[in-house]
Amino acid sequence: MSHLDQIPPVIAILIAGFVLLGSVLTLLGTIGLIRLGSFYERLHAPTLGTSWGAAGILIGSMLMFSTLGSRWVIHEIFLGCLIMLTMPVTLMVLGRAALHRDRAEGRPPRGTEGRQEPLK
């Protein structure tokens, strides 16, 4: 008898749902990273994929191992907190560095060429 046979069907469906949701969000973040045109537009897609995608997968993993009672899930909570805190901050710092570089070179931010300036 496998240890997976010990998981009740309702919990198994919840686990599958969270893992599927996390996988879909990660896939959407990856597709956005590939498809979006400028550097500044591409900054938003990985935030969704890594933050909420990883959270869905981690919640599914925590549900499974807490149901089986085979190990603690504290390290998964720690990983989730680190991912949710560091990814948006890292991408914000990358965006600001790129904006600073573009302004220092005296050109508009990449991807905004041809756009009209907002009225002031």
PDB file of N, CA and C in Angstrom:
ATOM      1  N   MET A   1       0.843  -1.185   0.000  1.00  0.00           N
ATOM      2  CA  MET A   1       0.000   0.000   0.000  1.00  0.00           C
ATOM      3  C   MET A   1       0.888   1.248   0.000  1.00  0.00           C
ATOM      4  N   SER A   2       0.601   2.153  -0.894  1.00  0.00           N
ATOM      5  CA  SER A   2       1.376   3.373  -1.036  1.00  0.00           C
ATOM      6  C   SER A   2       0.957   4.400   0.017  1.00  0.00           C
ATOM      7  N   HIS A   3       1.871   5.269   0.352  1.00  0.00           N
ATOM      8  CA  HIS A   3       1.528   6.328   1.295  1.00  0.00           C
ATOM      9  C   HIS A   3       0.531   7.311   0.695  1.00  0.00           C
ATOM     10  N   LEU A   4       0.446   7.385  -0.627  1.00  0.00           N
ATOM     11  CA  LEU A   4      -0.521   8.279  -1.276  1.00  0.00           C
ATOM     12  C   LEU A   4      -1.945   7.759  -1.148  1.00  0.00           C
ATOM     13  N   ASP A   5      -2.105   6.456  -0.866  1.00  0.00           N
ATOM     14  CA  ASP A   5      -3.447   5.897  -0.660  1.00  0.00           C
ATOM     15  C   ASP A   5      -4.063   6.392   0.646  1.00  0.00           C
ATOM     16  N   GLN A   6      -3.274   6.947   1.521  1.00  0.00           N
ATOM     17  CA  GLN A   6      -3.761   7.432   2.812  1.00  0.00           C
ATOM     18  C   GLN A   6      -4.406   8.804   2.721  1.00  0.00           C
ATOM     19  N   ILE A   7      -4.259   9.480   1.606  1.00  0.00           N
ATOM     20  CA  ILE A   7      -4.821  10.832   1.451  1.00  0.00           C
ATOM     21  C   ILE A   7      -6.298  10.710   1.079  1.00  0.00           C
ATOM     22  N   PRO A   8      -7.178  11.372   1.832  1.00  0.00           N
ATOM     23  CA  PRO A   8      -8.608  11.347   1.484  1.00  0.00           C
ATOM     24  C   PRO A   8      -8.847  12.012   0.122  1.00  0.00           C
ATOM     25  N   PRO A   9      -9.848  11.566  -0.618  1.00  0.00           N
ATOM     26  CA  PRO A   9     -10.096  12.116  -1.961  1.00  0.00           C
ATOM     27  C   PRO A   9     -10.329  13.630  -1.987  1.00  0.00           C
ATOM     28  N   VAL A  10     -11.002  14.172  -0.985  1.00  0.00           N
ATOM     29  CA  VAL A  10     -11.258  15.624  -0.962  1.00  0.00           C
ATOM     30  C   VAL A  10      -9.942  16.385  -0.842  1.00  0.00           C
ATOM     31  N   ILE A  11      -9.055  15.911   0.019  1.00  0.00           N
ATOM     32  CA  ILE A  11      -7.745  16.558   0.186  1.00  0.00           C
ATOM     33  C   ILE A  11      -6.917  16.400  -1.084  1.00  0.00           C
ATOM     34  N   ALA A  12      -7.013  15.238  -1.723  1.00  0.00           N
ATOM     35  CA  ALA A  12      -6.265  15.005  -2.973  1.00  0.00           C
ATOM     36  C   ALA A  12      -6.724  15.973  -4.062  1.00  0.00           C
ATOM     37  N   ILE A  13      -8.024  16.234  -4.121  1.00  0.00           N
ATOM     38  CA  ILE A  13      -8.545  17.190  -5.114  1.00  0.00           C
ATOM     39  C   ILE A  13      -8.051  18.600  -4.795  1.00  0.00           C
ATOM     40  N   LEU A  14      -8.040  18.979  -3.515  1.00  0.00           N
ATOM     41  CA  LEU A  14      -7.508  20.294  -3.124  1.00  0.00           C
ATOM     42  C   LEU A  14      -6.026  20.421  -3.487  1.00  0.00           C
ATOM     43  N   ILE A  15      -5.272  19.381  -3.205  1.00  0.00           N
ATOM     44  CA  ILE A  15      -3.836  19.392  -3.519  1.00  0.00           C
ATOM     45  C   ILE A  15      -3.636  19.560  -5.016  1.00  0.00           C
ATOM     46  N   ALA A  16      -4.369  18.764  -5.799  1.00  0.00           N
ATOM     47  CA  ALA A  16      -4.250  18.856  -7.254  1.00  0.00           C
ATOM     48  C   ALA A  16      -4.656  20.240  -7.756  1.00  0.00           C
ATOM     49  N   GLY A  17      -5.696  20.810  -7.149  1.00  0.00           N
ATOM     50  CA  GLY A  17      -6.143  22.148  -7.554  1.00  0.00           C
ATOM     51  C   GLY A  17      -5.095  23.211  -7.287  1.00  0.00           C
ATOM     52  N   PHE A  18      -4.472  23.173  -6.105  1.00  0.00           N
ATOM     53  CA  PHE A  18      -3.437  24.161  -5.794  1.00  0.00           C
ATOM     54  C   PHE A  18      -2.207  23.986  -6.681  1.00  0.00           C
ATOM     55  N   VAL A  19      -1.803  22.750  -6.911  1.00  0.00           N
ATOM     56  CA  VAL A  19      -0.637  22.512  -7.774  1.00  0.00           C
ATOM     57  C   VAL A  19      -0.943  22.944  -9.206  1.00  0.00           C
ATOM     58  N   LEU A  20      -2.141  22.649  -9.680  1.00  0.00           N
ATOM     59  CA  LEU A  20      -2.532  23.068 -11.027  1.00  0.00           C
ATOM     60  C   LEU A  20      -2.590  24.592 -11.129  1.00  0.00           C
ATOM     61  N   LEU A  21      -3.188  25.245 -10.142  1.00  0.00           N
ATOM     62  CA  LEU A  21      -3.251  26.713 -10.143  1.00  0.00           C
ATOM     63  C   LEU A  21      -1.851  27.320 -10.143  1.00  0.00           C
ATOM     64  N   GLY A  22      -0.974  26.806  -9.289  1.00  0.00           N
ATOM     65  CA  GLY A  22       0.399  27.309  -9.253  1.00  0.00           C
ATOM     66  C   GLY A  22       1.131  27.085 -10.562  1.00  0.00           C
ATOM     67  N   SER A  23       0.906  25.934 -11.170  1.00  0.00           N
ATOM     68  CA  SER A  23       1.564  25.635 -12.448  1.00  0.00           C
ATOM     69  C   SER A  23       1.062  26.537 -13.565  1.00  0.00           C
ATOM     70  N   VAL A  24      -0.247  26.782 -13.589  1.00  0.00           N
ATOM     71  CA  VAL A  24      -0.818  27.659 -14.616  1.00  0.00           C
ATOM     72  C   VAL A  24      -0.301  29.088 -14.455  1.00  0.00           C
ATOM     73  N   LEU A  25      -0.238  29.574 -13.216  1.00  0.00           N
ATOM     74  CA  LEU A  25       0.269  30.935 -13.000  1.00  0.00           C
ATOM     75  C   LEU A  25       1.750  31.049 -13.375  1.00  0.00           C
ATOM     76  N   THR A  26       2.514  30.013 -13.081  1.00  0.00           N
ATOM     77  CA  THR A  26       3.922  30.020 -13.480  1.00  0.00           C
ATOM     78  C   THR A  26       4.047  30.006 -14.999  1.00  0.00           C
ATOM     79  N   LEU A  27       3.219  29.210 -15.663  1.00  0.00           N
ATOM     80  CA  LEU A  27       3.228  29.170 -17.120  1.00  0.00           C
ATOM     81  C   LEU A  27       2.832  30.529 -17.713  1.00  0.00           C
ATOM     82  N   LEU A  28       1.816  31.173 -17.142  1.00  0.00           N
ATOM     83  CA  LEU A  28       1.414  32.496 -17.628  1.00  0.00           C
ATOM     84  C   LEU A  28       2.527  33.527 -17.448  1.00  0.00           C
ATOM     85  N   GLY A  29       3.228  33.455 -16.325  1.00  0.00           N
ATOM     86  CA  GLY A  29       4.356  34.354 -16.118  1.00  0.00           C
ATOM     87  C   GLY A  29       5.456  34.126 -17.133  1.00  0.00           C
ATOM     88  N   THR A  30       5.698  32.870 -17.473  1.00  0.00           N
ATOM     89  CA  THR A  30       6.725  32.550 -18.465  1.00  0.00           C
ATOM     90  C   THR A  30       6.315  33.021 -19.850  1.00  0.00           C
ATOM     91  N   ILE A  31       5.061  32.794 -20.210  1.00  0.00           N
ATOM     92  CA  ILE A  31       4.573  33.251 -21.514  1.00  0.00           C
ATOM     93  C   ILE A  31       4.634  34.769 -21.598  1.00  0.00           C
ATOM     94  N   GLY A  32       4.261  35.453 -20.521  1.00  0.00           N
ATOM     95  CA  GLY A  32       4.340  36.911 -20.504  1.00  0.00           C
ATOM     96  C   GLY A  32       5.758  37.408 -20.645  1.00  0.00           C
ATOM     97  N   LEU A  33       6.692  36.708 -20.031  1.00  0.00           N
ATOM     98  CA  LEU A  33       8.100  37.090 -20.143  1.00  0.00           C
ATOM     99  C   LEU A  33       8.584  36.978 -21.582  1.00  0.00           C
ATOM    100  N   ILE A  34       8.101  35.979 -22.285  1.00  0.00           N
ATOM    101  CA  ILE A  34       8.522  35.776 -23.674  1.00  0.00           C
ATOM    102  C   ILE A  34       7.799  36.722 -24.620  1.00  0.00           C
ATOM    103  N   ARG A  35       6.502  36.927 -24.420  1.00  0.00           N
ATOM    104  CA  ARG A  35       5.678  37.639 -25.393  1.00  0.00           C
ATOM    105  C   ARG A  35       5.695  39.158 -25.273  1.00  0.00           C
ATOM    106  N   LEU A  36       5.886  39.681 -24.085  1.00  0.00           N
ATOM    107  CA  LEU A  36       5.813  41.129 -23.919  1.00  0.00           C
ATOM    108  C   LEU A  36       7.013  41.794 -24.586  1.00  0.00           C
ATOM    109  N   GLY A  37       6.789  43.028 -25.071  1.00  0.00           N
ATOM    110  CA  GLY A  37       7.767  43.659 -25.932  1.00  0.00           C
ATOM    111  C   GLY A  37       8.951  44.313 -25.250  1.00  0.00           C
ATOM    112  N   SER A  38       8.713  45.183 -24.309  1.00  0.00           N
ATOM    113  CA  SER A  38       9.821  45.957 -23.754  1.00  0.00           C
ATOM    114  C   SER A  38      10.269  45.387 -22.410  1.00  0.00           C
ATOM    115  N   PHE A  39      11.419  45.841 -21.989  1.00  0.00           N
ATOM    116  CA  PHE A  39      11.976  45.402 -20.712  1.00  0.00           C
ATOM    117  C   PHE A  39      11.041  45.746 -19.560  1.00  0.00           C
ATOM    118  N   TYR A  40      10.456  46.926 -19.599  1.00  0.00           N
ATOM    119  CA  TYR A  40       9.594  47.377 -18.510  1.00  0.00           C
ATOM    120  C   TYR A  40       8.300  46.576 -18.452  1.00  0.00           C
ATOM    121  N   GLU A  41       7.765  46.183 -19.600  1.00  0.00           N
ATOM    122  CA  GLU A  41       6.582  45.336 -19.602  1.00  0.00           C
ATOM    123  C   GLU A  41       6.911  43.936 -19.101  1.00  0.00           C
ATOM    124  N   ARG A  42       8.093  43.460 -19.420  1.00  0.00           N
ATOM    125  CA  ARG A  42       8.496  42.114 -19.010  1.00  0.00           C
ATOM    126  C   ARG A  42       8.752  41.995 -17.518  1.00  0.00           C
ATOM    127  N   LEU A  43       8.906  43.093 -16.822  1.00  0.00           N
ATOM    128  CA  LEU A  43       9.146  43.029 -15.381  1.00  0.00           C
ATOM    129  C   LEU A  43       7.946  42.494 -14.612  1.00  0.00           C
ATOM    130  N   HIS A  44       6.739  42.674 -15.122  1.00  0.00           N
ATOM    131  CA  HIS A  44       5.545  42.310 -14.371  1.00  0.00           C
ATOM    132  C   HIS A  44       5.219  40.825 -14.440  1.00  0.00           C
ATOM    133  N   ALA A  45       5.522  40.195 -15.561  1.00  0.00           N
ATOM    134  CA  ALA A  45       5.128  38.796 -15.750  1.00  0.00           C
ATOM    135  C   ALA A  45       5.808  37.825 -14.777  1.00  0.00           C
ATOM    136  N   PRO A  46       7.120  37.894 -14.551  1.00  0.00           N
ATOM    137  CA  PRO A  46       7.731  36.935 -13.630  1.00  0.00           C
ATOM    138  C   PRO A  46       7.275  37.099 -12.187  1.00  0.00           C
ATOM    139  N   THR A  47       6.843  38.290 -11.823  1.00  0.00           N
ATOM    140  CA  THR A  47       6.362  38.493 -10.459  1.00  0.00           C
ATOM    141  C   THR A  47       5.139  37.625 -10.204  1.00  0.00           C
ATOM    142  N   LEU A  48       4.214  37.610 -11.132  1.00  0.00           N
ATOM    143  CA  LEU A  48       3.025  36.770 -11.008  1.00  0.00           C
ATOM    144  C   LEU A  48       3.410  35.302 -10.975  1.00  0.00           C
ATOM    145  N   GLY A  49       4.260  34.906 -11.919  1.00  0.00           N
ATOM    146  CA  GLY A  49       4.614  33.498 -12.030  1.00  0.00           C
ATOM    147  C   GLY A  49       5.352  32.952 -10.833  1.00  0.00           C
ATOM    148  N   THR A  50       6.311  33.696 -10.354  1.00  0.00           N
ATOM    149  CA  THR A  50       7.098  33.158  -9.243  1.00  0.00           C
ATOM    150  C   THR A  50       6.406  33.342  -7.906  1.00  0.00           C
ATOM    151  N   SER A  51       5.796  34.472  -7.693  1.00  0.00           N
ATOM    152  CA  SER A  51       5.172  34.709  -6.385  1.00  0.00           C
ATOM    153  C   SER A  51       3.946  33.831  -6.180  1.00  0.00           C
ATOM    154  N   TRP A  52       2.914  34.035  -6.975  1.00  0.00           N
ATOM    155  CA  TRP A  52       1.668  33.307  -6.766  1.00  0.00           C
ATOM    156  C   TRP A  52       1.735  31.900  -7.316  1.00  0.00           C
ATOM    157  N   GLY A  53       2.518  31.672  -8.354  1.00  0.00           N
ATOM    158  CA  GLY A  53       2.677  30.308  -8.859  1.00  0.00           C
ATOM    159  C   GLY A  53       3.372  29.413  -7.857  1.00  0.00           C
ATOM    160  N   ALA A  54       4.452  29.906  -7.288  1.00  0.00           N
ATOM    161  CA  ALA A  54       5.161  29.126  -6.273  1.00  0.00           C
ATOM    162  C   ALA A  54       4.306  28.962  -5.021  1.00  0.00           C
ATOM    163  N   ALA A  55       3.507  29.967  -4.689  1.00  0.00           N
ATOM    164  CA  ALA A  55       2.640  29.863  -3.516  1.00  0.00           C
ATOM    165  C   ALA A  55       1.615  28.751  -3.689  1.00  0.00           C
ATOM    166  N   GLY A  56       1.026  28.635  -4.872  1.00  0.00           N
ATOM    167  CA  GLY A  56       0.061  27.565  -5.115  1.00  0.00           C
ATOM    168  C   GLY A  56       0.686  26.185  -4.995  1.00  0.00           C
ATOM    169  N   ILE A  57       1.874  26.023  -5.563  1.00  0.00           N
ATOM    170  CA  ILE A  57       2.566  24.739  -5.484  1.00  0.00           C
ATOM    171  C   ILE A  57       2.974  24.432  -4.047  1.00  0.00           C
ATOM    172  N   LEU A  58       3.456  25.441  -3.332  1.00  0.00           N
ATOM    173  CA  LEU A  58       3.848  25.231  -1.935  1.00  0.00           C
ATOM    174  C   LEU A  58       2.649  24.906  -1.045  1.00  0.00           C
ATOM    175  N   ILE A  59       1.506  25.533  -1.282  1.00  0.00           N
ATOM    176  CA  ILE A  59       0.307  25.218  -0.493  1.00  0.00           C
ATOM    177  C   ILE A  59      -0.128  23.780  -0.746  1.00  0.00           C
ATOM    178  N   GLY A  60      -0.086  23.353  -2.010  1.00  0.00           N
ATOM    179  CA  GLY A  60      -0.410  21.964  -2.319  1.00  0.00           C
ATOM    180  C   GLY A  60       0.538  20.994  -1.633  1.00  0.00           C
ATOM    181  N   SER A  61       1.817  21.317  -1.626  1.00  0.00           N
ATOM    182  CA  SER A  61       2.808  20.467  -0.961  1.00  0.00           C
ATOM    183  C   SER A  61       2.584  20.435   0.553  1.00  0.00           C
ATOM    184  N   MET A  62       2.291  21.603   1.125  1.00  0.00           N
ATOM    185  CA  MET A  62       2.035  21.642   2.573  1.00  0.00           C
ATOM    186  C   MET A  62       0.802  20.819   2.936  1.00  0.00           C
ATOM    187  N   LEU A  63      -0.246  20.906   2.117  1.00  0.00           N
ATOM    188  CA  LEU A  63      -1.442  20.110   2.380  1.00  0.00           C
ATOM    189  C   LEU A  63      -1.137  18.616   2.338  1.00  0.00           C
ATOM    190  N   MET A  64      -0.360  18.209   1.344  1.00  0.00           N
ATOM    191  CA  MET A  64      -0.073  16.793   1.211  1.00  0.00           C
ATOM    192  C   MET A  64       0.723  16.257   2.390  1.00  0.00           C
ATOM    193  N   PHE A  65       1.812  16.929   2.725  1.00  0.00           N
ATOM    194  CA  PHE A  65       2.672  16.394   3.774  1.00  0.00           C
ATOM    195  C   PHE A  65       2.092  16.596   5.166  1.00  0.00           C
ATOM    196  N   SER A  66       1.247  17.607   5.355  1.00  0.00           N
ATOM    197  CA  SER A  66       0.607  17.733   6.659  1.00  0.00           C
ATOM    198  C   SER A  66      -0.507  16.697   6.817  1.00  0.00           C
ATOM    199  N   THR A  67      -1.160  16.325   5.703  1.00  0.00           N
ATOM    200  CA  THR A  67      -2.171  15.270   5.761  1.00  0.00           C
ATOM    201  C   THR A  67      -1.535  13.919   6.051  1.00  0.00           C
ATOM    202  N   LEU A  68      -0.402  13.648   5.396  1.00  0.00           N
ATOM    203  CA  LEU A  68       0.289  12.382   5.637  1.00  0.00           C
ATOM    204  C   LEU A  68       0.941  12.351   7.010  1.00  0.00           C
ATOM    205  N   GLY A  69       1.256  13.521   7.543  1.00  0.00           N
ATOM    206  CA  GLY A  69       1.904  13.593   8.850  1.00  0.00           C
ATOM    207  C   GLY A  69       3.330  13.095   8.831  1.00  0.00           C
ATOM    208  N   SER A  70       3.942  13.098   7.643  1.00  0.00           N
ATOM    209  CA  SER A  70       5.288  12.527   7.536  1.00  0.00           C
ATOM    210  C   SER A  70       6.392  13.523   7.890  1.00  0.00           C
ATOM    211  N   ARG A  71       6.121  14.815   7.790  1.00  0.00           N
ATOM    212  CA  ARG A  71       7.142  15.800   8.149  1.00  0.00           C
ATOM    213  C   ARG A  71       6.498  17.156   8.393  1.00  0.00           C
ATOM    214  N   TRP A  72       7.274  18.028   9.012  1.00  0.00           N
ATOM    215  CA  TRP A  72       6.825  19.391   9.270  1.00  0.00           C
ATOM    216  C   TRP A  72       6.866  20.184   7.970  1.00  0.00           C
ATOM    217  N   VAL A  73       6.090  21.227   7.901  1.00  0.00           N
ATOM    218  CA  VAL A  73       6.030  22.049   6.696  1.00  0.00           C
ATOM    219  C   VAL A  73       6.608  23.434   6.940  1.00  0.00           C
ATOM    220  N   ILE A  74       7.385  23.580   8.000  1.00  0.00           N
ATOM    221  CA  ILE A  74       7.923  24.899   8.341  1.00  0.00           C
ATOM    222  C   ILE A  74       8.862  25.416   7.249  1.00  0.00           C
ATOM    223  N   HIS A  75       9.669  24.536   6.670  1.00  0.00           N
ATOM    224  CA  HIS A  75      10.592  25.021   5.637  1.00  0.00           C
ATOM    225  C   HIS A  75       9.841  25.487   4.388  1.00  0.00           C
ATOM    226  N   GLU A  76       8.674  24.924   4.102  1.00  0.00           N
ATOM    227  CA  GLU A  76       7.889  25.384   2.956  1.00  0.00           C
ATOM    228  C   GLU A  76       7.278  26.760   3.226  1.00  0.00           C
ATOM    229  N   ILE A  77       6.868  26.983   4.446  1.00  0.00           N
ATOM    230  CA  ILE A  77       6.361  28.310   4.822  1.00  0.00           C
ATOM    231  C   ILE A  77       7.484  29.340   4.698  1.00  0.00           C
ATOM    232  N   PHE A  78       8.669  28.981   5.146  1.00  0.00           N
ATOM    233  CA  PHE A  78       9.829  29.869   5.044  1.00  0.00           C
ATOM    234  C   PHE A  78      10.161  30.169   3.582  1.00  0.00           C
ATOM    235  N   LEU A  79      10.167  29.133   2.738  1.00  0.00           N
ATOM    236  CA  LEU A  79      10.435  29.340   1.302  1.00  0.00           C
ATOM    237  C   LEU A  79       9.375  30.238   0.664  1.00  0.00           C
ATOM    238  N   GLY A  80       8.124  30.004   0.999  1.00  0.00           N
ATOM    239  CA  GLY A  80       7.049  30.830   0.452  1.00  0.00           C
ATOM    240  C   GLY A  80       7.191  32.286   0.835  1.00  0.00           C
ATOM    241  N   CYS A  81       7.520  32.532   2.104  1.00  0.00           N
ATOM    242  CA  CYS A  81       7.721  33.927   2.545  1.00  0.00           C
ATOM    243  C   CYS A  81       8.891  34.577   1.821  1.00  0.00           C
ATOM    244  N   LEU A  82       9.976  33.842   1.665  1.00  0.00           N
ATOM    245  CA  LEU A  82      11.128  34.401   0.955  1.00  0.00           C
ATOM    246  C   LEU A  82      10.798  34.734  -0.489  1.00  0.00           C
ATOM    247  N   ILE A  83      10.104  33.833  -1.162  1.00  0.00           N
ATOM    248  CA  ILE A  83       9.755  34.075  -2.569  1.00  0.00           C
ATOM    249  C   ILE A  83       8.798  35.254  -2.681  1.00  0.00           C
ATOM    250  N   MET A  84       7.797  35.301  -1.814  1.00  0.00           N
ATOM    251  CA  MET A  84       6.804  36.374  -1.894  1.00  0.00           C
ATOM    252  C   MET A  84       7.401  37.741  -1.558  1.00  0.00           C
ATOM    253  N   LEU A  85       8.451  37.767  -0.773  1.00  0.00           N
ATOM    254  CA  LEU A  85       9.071  39.044  -0.407  1.00  0.00           C
ATOM    255  C   LEU A  85      10.187  39.454  -1.363  1.00  0.00           C
ATOM    256  N   THR A  86      11.002  38.514  -1.801  1.00  0.00           N
ATOM    257  CA  THR A  86      12.186  38.894  -2.567  1.00  0.00           C
ATOM    258  C   THR A  86      11.926  39.130  -4.051  1.00  0.00           C
ATOM    259  N   MET A  87      11.022  38.386  -4.676  1.00  0.00           N
ATOM    260  CA  MET A  87      10.826  38.539  -6.117  1.00  0.00           C
ATOM    261  C   MET A  87      10.296  39.916  -6.494  1.00  0.00           C
ATOM    262  N   PRO A  88       9.239  40.430  -5.882  1.00  0.00           N
ATOM    263  CA  PRO A  88       8.789  41.781  -6.271  1.00  0.00           C
ATOM    264  C   PRO A  88       9.835  42.860  -5.988  1.00  0.00           C
ATOM    265  N   VAL A  89      10.547  42.725  -4.883  1.00  0.00           N
ATOM    266  CA  VAL A  89      11.569  43.716  -4.547  1.00  0.00           C
ATOM    267  C   VAL A  89      12.714  43.659  -5.556  1.00  0.00           C
ATOM    268  N   THR A  90      13.130  42.464  -5.926  1.00  0.00           N
ATOM    269  CA  THR A  90      14.213  42.316  -6.903  1.00  0.00           C
ATOM    270  C   THR A  90      13.824  42.924  -8.239  1.00  0.00           C
ATOM    271  N   LEU A  91      12.613  42.636  -8.700  1.00  0.00           N
ATOM    272  CA  LEU A  91      12.194  43.191  -9.988  1.00  0.00           C
ATOM    273  C   LEU A  91      12.001  44.701  -9.925  1.00  0.00           C
ATOM    274  N   MET A  92      11.598  45.224  -8.777  1.00  0.00           N
ATOM    275  CA  MET A  92      11.488  46.676  -8.629  1.00  0.00           C
ATOM    276  C   MET A  92      12.874  47.328  -8.713  1.00  0.00           C
ATOM    277  N   VAL A  93      13.858  46.716  -8.085  1.00  0.00           N
ATOM    278  CA  VAL A  93      15.220  47.249  -8.142  1.00  0.00           C
ATOM    279  C   VAL A  93      15.759  47.172  -9.565  1.00  0.00           C
ATOM    280  N   LEU A  94      15.494  46.083 -10.282  1.00  0.00           N
ATOM    281  CA  LEU A  94      15.915  45.986 -11.689  1.00  0.00           C
ATOM    282  C   LEU A  94      15.264  47.076 -12.539  1.00  0.00           C
ATOM    283  N   GLY A  95      13.981  47.323 -12.319  1.00  0.00           N
ATOM    284  CA  GLY A  95      13.286  48.365 -13.071  1.00  0.00           C
ATOM    285  C   GLY A  95      13.841  49.750 -12.797  1.00  0.00           C
ATOM    286  N   ARG A  96      14.125  50.018 -11.546  1.00  0.00           N
ATOM    287  CA  ARG A  96      14.693  51.332 -11.208  1.00  0.00           C
ATOM    288  C   ARG A  96      16.099  51.495 -11.774  1.00  0.00           C
ATOM    289  N   ALA A  97      16.883  50.427 -11.774  1.00  0.00           N
ATOM    290  CA  ALA A  97      18.231  50.505 -12.339  1.00  0.00           C
ATOM    291  C   ALA A  97      18.166  50.762 -13.846  1.00  0.00           C
ATOM    292  N   ALA A  98      17.243  50.101 -14.529  1.00  0.00           N
ATOM    293  CA  ALA A  98      17.095  50.319 -15.964  1.00  0.00           C
ATOM    294  C   ALA A  98      16.609  51.735 -16.251  1.00  0.00           C
ATOM    295  N   LEU A  99      15.669  52.231 -15.449  1.00  0.00           N
ATOM    296  CA  LEU A  99      15.175  53.597 -15.632  1.00  0.00           C
ATOM    297  C   LEU A  99      16.286  54.612 -15.379  1.00  0.00           C
ATOM    298  N   HIS A 100      17.082  54.388 -14.358  1.00  0.00           N
ATOM    299  CA  HIS A 100      18.206  55.277 -14.068  1.00  0.00           C
ATOM    300  C   HIS A 100      19.202  55.281 -15.232  1.00  0.00           C
ATOM    301  N   ARG A 101      19.499  54.099 -15.771  1.00  0.00           N
ATOM    302  CA  ARG A 101      20.415  54.002 -16.913  1.00  0.00           C
ATOM    303  C   ARG A 101      19.852  54.735 -18.123  1.00  0.00           C
ATOM    304  N   ASP A 102      18.561  54.540 -18.406  1.00  0.00           N
ATOM    305  CA  ASP A 102      17.963  55.201 -19.562  1.00  0.00           C
ATOM    306  C   ASP A 102      17.962  56.718 -19.402  1.00  0.00           C
ATOM    307  N   ARG A 103      17.677  57.203 -18.211  1.00  0.00           N
ATOM    308  CA  ARG A 103      17.693  58.652 -17.979  1.00  0.00           C
ATOM    309  C   ARG A 103      19.102  59.221 -18.050  1.00  0.00           C
ATOM    310  N   ALA A 104      20.093  58.475 -17.565  1.00  0.00           N
ATOM    311  CA  ALA A 104      21.480  58.945 -17.609  1.00  0.00           C
ATOM    312  C   ALA A 104      21.980  59.037 -19.043  1.00  0.00           C
ATOM    313  N   GLU A 105      21.482  58.143 -19.906  1.00  0.00           N
ATOM    314  CA  GLU A 105      21.880  58.183 -21.315  1.00  0.00           C
ATOM    315  C   GLU A 105      21.054  59.180 -22.112  1.00  0.00           C
ATOM    316  N   GLY A 106      20.073  59.825 -21.475  1.00  0.00           N
ATOM    317  CA  GLY A 106      19.282  60.869 -22.125  1.00  0.00           C
ATOM    318  C   GLY A 106      18.270  60.358 -23.118  1.00  0.00           C
ATOM    319  N   ARG A 107      17.795  59.158 -22.936  1.00  0.00           N
ATOM    320  CA  ARG A 107      16.789  58.625 -23.851  1.00  0.00           C
ATOM    321  C   ARG A 107      15.551  58.228 -23.055  1.00  0.00           C
ATOM    322  N   PRO A 108      14.408  58.154 -23.740  1.00  0.00           N
ATOM    323  CA  PRO A 108      13.197  57.728 -23.030  1.00  0.00           C
ATOM    324  C   PRO A 108      13.331  56.261 -22.626  1.00  0.00           C
ATOM    325  N   PRO A 109      12.616  55.858 -21.609  1.00  0.00           N
ATOM    326  CA  PRO A 109      12.677  54.450 -21.212  1.00  0.00           C
ATOM    327  C   PRO A 109      12.350  53.528 -22.383  1.00  0.00           C
ATOM    328  N   ARG A 110      13.076  52.431 -22.484  1.00  0.00           N
ATOM    329  CA  ARG A 110      12.871  51.501 -23.589  1.00  0.00           C
ATOM    330  C   ARG A 110      11.442  50.986 -23.587  1.00  0.00           C
ATOM    331  N   GLY A 111      10.852  50.947 -24.770  1.00  0.00           N
ATOM    332  CA  GLY A 111       9.479  50.474 -24.897  1.00  0.00           C
ATOM    333  C   GLY A 111       8.463  51.594 -24.881  1.00  0.00           C
ATOM    334  N   THR A 112       8.907  52.835 -24.616  1.00  0.00           N
ATOM    335  CA  THR A 112       7.960  53.946 -24.595  1.00  0.00           C
ATOM    336  C   THR A 112       8.184  54.892 -25.776  1.00  0.00           C
ATOM    337  N   GLU A 113       9.057  54.507 -26.712  1.00  0.00           N
ATOM    338  CA  GLU A 113       9.278  55.350 -27.877  1.00  0.00           C
ATOM    339  C   GLU A 113       8.001  55.442 -28.680  1.00  0.00           C
ATOM    340  N   GLY A 114       7.654  56.611 -29.138  1.00  0.00           N
ATOM    341  CA  GLY A 114       6.450  56.789 -29.953  1.00  0.00           C
ATOM    342  C   GLY A 114       5.192  57.008 -29.140  1.00  0.00           C
ATOM    343  N   ARG A 115       5.254  56.862 -27.850  1.00  0.00           N
ATOM    344  CA  ARG A 115       4.086  57.117 -27.013  1.00  0.00           C
ATOM    345  C   ARG A 115       4.042  58.591 -26.657  1.00  0.00           C
ATOM    346  N   GLN A 116       2.840  59.109 -26.548  1.00  0.00           N
ATOM    347  CA  GLN A 116       2.695  60.503 -26.166  1.00  0.00           C
ATOM    348  C   GLN A 116       2.861  60.654 -24.676  1.00  0.00           C
ATOM    349  N   GLU A 117       3.450  61.752 -24.291  1.00  0.00           N
ATOM    350  CA  GLU A 117       3.612  62.051 -22.864  1.00  0.00           C
ATOM    351  C   GLU A 117       2.234  62.396 -22.289  1.00  0.00           C
ATOM    352  N   PRO A 118       1.958  61.995 -21.061  1.00  0.00           N
ATOM    353  CA  PRO A 118       0.682  62.372 -20.451  1.00  0.00           C
ATOM    354  C   PRO A 118       0.606  63.888 -20.233  1.00  0.00           C
ATOM    355  N   LEU A 119      -0.606  64.420 -20.284  1.00  0.00           N
ATOM    356  CA  LEU A 119      -0.799  65.842 -20.052  1.00  0.00           C
ATOM    357  C   LEU A 119      -0.489  66.180 -18.605  1.00  0.00           C
ATOM    358  N   LYS A 120       0.169  67.308 -18.410  1.00  0.00           N
ATOM    359  CA  LYS A 120       0.536  67.694 -17.044  1.00  0.00           C
ATOM    360  C   LYS A 120      -0.323  68.823 -16.577  1.00  0.00           C
TER     361      LYS A 120
END
